[in-house]
C-alpha cells in the first residue's frame, strides 16, 4: 500500500509569508536562492544599499544558539572584518539575533552589513531560519544603515 505525501501539509509546512515595508523608490529584485530582495535606486559609482531575505529549513531541534554559531562562522570568513555589535532583540514577539559589521574585499569599497536571524518553530516538525541582511557602502552607512534597520524592524511573519 502506498501513501500520499503532500506539501504543504502539517508534516511539511509551506514557507512563511514575509512582509517588509520599504521606501517607495526601492526596487524589487529577483535573486536565485533568495525569497525576497529589494534595493535602493542605482547611482553610478556607488554601492547600492539592499536588503535580502532568505529562509532555510532545518530539523525541529535547530536552535537560536546554532543560528548564532552559523553567523559567527560566516563572519569569520569575511576579509578585514570589523565587528560593530551583536546581540538579541525582540521584533513582533520573536527573538532575533542582530549583528552589524563591516568588511573590505581587496580592491573594493568597504561594505557595512546588518544581519538578523530568527528561528521559527514549524509545529515541531521543522524549524525555519529567517535571515534578513541589509548591506550598504561604508561611505554612506551613517544614513543608509538607519533605513535598513527600519526595513528590518518592519518585518511581518505569517506561518499559517
Protein backbone atom coordinates (compact mmCIF):
# COMPACT_ATOMS: atom_id res chain seq x y z
CA UNK A 1 0.00 0.00 0.00
CA UNK A 2 1.31 3.46 -0.85
CA UNK A 3 0.52 6.73 0.86
CA UNK A 4 0.47 10.27 -0.45
CA UNK A 5 2.90 12.82 0.93
CA UNK A 6 1.71 16.40 0.46
CA UNK A 7 3.49 19.74 0.50
CA UNK A 8 2.46 21.95 2.12
CA UNK A 9 0.93 19.94 4.97
CA UNK A 10 1.24 19.51 8.74
CA UNK A 11 4.27 17.25 8.14
CA UNK A 12 5.81 19.62 5.58
CA UNK A 13 4.75 23.20 6.36
CA UNK A 14 4.83 25.66 3.49
CA UNK A 15 7.20 28.62 3.57
CA UNK A 16 6.48 31.53 5.88
CA UNK A 17 4.73 34.54 4.39
CA UNK A 18 7.06 37.53 4.85
CA UNK A 19 6.23 41.21 4.54
CA UNK A 20 8.55 44.23 4.67
CA UNK A 21 7.88 47.95 4.45
CA UNK A 22 10.40 49.57 2.09
CA UNK A 23 10.89 53.10 0.74
CA UNK A 24 8.71 53.90 -2.29
CA UNK A 25 11.70 54.33 -4.60
CA UNK A 26 13.35 50.99 -3.74
CA UNK A 27 13.10 48.30 -6.43
CA UNK A 28 12.30 44.62 -6.05
CA UNK A 29 14.95 42.21 -7.29
CA UNK A 30 14.82 38.55 -8.28
CA UNK A 31 17.89 36.75 -6.95
CA UNK A 32 18.45 32.97 -7.19
CA UNK A 33 18.12 31.23 -3.82
CA UNK A 34 16.60 34.32 -2.19
CA UNK A 35 12.96 34.65 -1.17
CA UNK A 36 12.84 38.46 -1.28
CA UNK A 37 15.29 41.21 -2.25
CA UNK A 38 15.00 44.98 -2.59
CA UNK A 39 17.49 47.72 -3.38
CA UNK A 40 17.67 51.47 -3.46
CA UNK A 41 17.79 53.22 -6.84
CA UNK A 42 21.05 52.67 -8.70
CA UNK A 43 23.53 55.56 -8.58
CA UNK A 44 26.57 55.22 -10.82
CA UNK A 45 29.79 54.69 -8.86
CA UNK A 46 28.09 53.98 -5.51
CA UNK A 47 27.31 50.78 -3.66
CA UNK A 48 23.58 50.10 -3.96
CA UNK A 49 22.06 49.58 -0.50
CA UNK A 50 19.90 46.48 -0.38
CA UNK A 51 18.00 44.10 1.87
CA UNK A 52 17.87 40.36 1.20
CA UNK A 53 15.60 37.82 2.92
CA UNK A 54 16.26 34.09 2.91
CA UNK A 55 14.57 31.19 4.66
CA UNK A 56 16.36 27.91 5.33
CA UNK A 57 14.66 24.80 6.65
CA UNK A 58 16.26 22.72 9.39
CA UNK A 59 15.16 19.86 11.63
CA UNK A 60 12.93 20.56 14.62
CA UNK A 61 15.85 20.67 17.08
CA UNK A 62 17.67 23.61 15.44
CA UNK A 63 18.13 26.47 17.94
CA UNK A 64 18.94 30.17 18.09
CA UNK A 65 22.34 29.16 19.53
CA UNK A 66 23.04 27.12 16.39
CA UNK A 67 21.95 30.03 14.19
CA UNK A 68 24.31 32.35 16.07
CA UNK A 69 27.16 29.86 15.63
CA UNK A 70 26.49 29.79 11.87
CA UNK A 71 26.55 33.59 11.78
CA UNK A 72 29.88 33.69 13.62
CA UNK A 73 31.37 31.17 11.17
CA UNK A 74 30.16 33.23 8.22
CA UNK A 75 31.58 36.46 9.66
CA UNK A 76 34.92 34.74 10.41
CA UNK A 77 35.31 34.10 6.68
CA UNK A 78 34.88 37.78 5.75
CA UNK A 79 38.03 39.74 4.85
CA UNK A 80 39.12 42.54 7.21
CA UNK A 81 36.07 42.13 9.44
CA UNK A 82 35.24 44.97 11.80
CA UNK A 83 32.64 43.96 14.40
CA UNK A 84 30.22 46.80 15.21
CA UNK A 85 27.96 44.87 17.60
CA UNK A 86 26.00 41.65 18.09
CA UNK A 87 23.10 40.91 20.42
CA UNK A 88 19.47 39.90 20.61
CA UNK A 89 16.33 41.95 20.08
CA UNK A 90 12.58 41.40 20.00
CA UNK A 91 10.56 42.23 16.89
CA UNK A 92 6.86 41.38 16.73
CA UNK A 93 7.20 38.87 19.55
CA UNK A 94 10.10 36.94 18.01
CA UNK A 95 13.68 36.89 19.34
CA UNK A 96 16.22 37.83 16.70
CA UNK A 97 19.99 37.68 16.67
CA UNK A 98 21.18 41.04 15.34
CA UNK A 99 24.73 41.66 14.19
CA UNK A 100 26.27 44.66 12.46
CA UNK A 101 29.74 44.60 10.96
CA UNK A 102 31.89 45.92 8.14
CA UNK A 103 34.30 44.15 5.85
CA UNK A 104 36.59 45.05 2.97
CA UNK A 105 37.35 42.87 -0.03
CA UNK A 106 40.65 43.64 -1.79
CA UNK A 107 40.15 46.38 -4.39
CA UNK A 108 36.51 47.01 -3.40
CA UNK A 109 34.85 49.57 -1.14
CA UNK A 110 34.06 48.64 2.46
CA UNK A 111 30.60 47.14 2.97
CA UNK A 112 28.58 47.52 6.16
CA UNK A 113 26.02 44.80 6.88
CA UNK A 114 23.20 44.48 9.37
CA UNK A 115 22.18 40.83 9.71
CA UNK A 116 19.19 39.49 11.66
CA UNK A 117 18.21 35.88 12.25
CA UNK A 118 15.05 34.38 13.76
CA UNK A 119 14.41 30.70 14.40
CA UNK A 120 10.78 29.78 13.72
CA UNK A 121 9.23 26.58 15.07
CA UNK A 122 7.10 24.93 12.38
CA UNK A 123 4.77 22.87 14.52
CA UNK A 124 7.50 20.65 15.95
CA UNK A 125 8.26 19.01 12.58
CA UNK A 126 10.78 21.56 11.27
CA UNK A 127 12.49 24.86 12.03
CA UNK A 128 12.82 27.74 9.58
CA UNK A 129 15.66 30.20 9.96
CA UNK A 130 14.62 33.58 8.64
CA UNK A 131 17.59 35.77 7.70
CA UNK A 132 17.31 39.46 6.82
CA UNK A 133 20.61 41.02 5.70
CA UNK A 134 20.90 44.67 4.79
CA UNK A 135 24.04 45.96 3.09
CA UNK A 136 25.34 49.42 2.25
CA UNK A 137 28.59 51.09 1.36
CA UNK A 138 30.66 52.39 4.28
CA UNK A 139 30.82 55.90 2.75
CA UNK A 140 27.05 56.28 3.09
CA UNK A 141 26.44 53.92 6.02
CA UNK A 142 25.52 56.62 8.54
CA UNK A 143 22.35 57.46 6.62
CA UNK A 144 21.62 54.15 4.93
CA UNK A 145 22.05 51.82 7.92
CA UNK A 146 19.14 53.55 9.63
CA UNK A 147 16.92 52.94 6.58
CA UNK A 148 18.00 49.28 6.60
CA UNK A 149 17.15 48.94 10.32
CA UNK A 150 13.70 50.46 9.76
CA UNK A 151 13.07 47.94 6.95
CA UNK A 152 14.25 45.09 9.19
CA UNK A 153 12.06 46.33 12.07
CA UNK A 154 9.01 46.28 9.77
CA UNK A 155 9.18 42.51 9.16
CA UNK A 156 5.95 40.60 9.40
CA UNK A 157 5.92 36.80 9.51
CA UNK A 158 2.84 34.65 8.94
CA UNK A 159 3.31 30.91 9.48
CA UNK A 160 -0.24 29.85 8.59
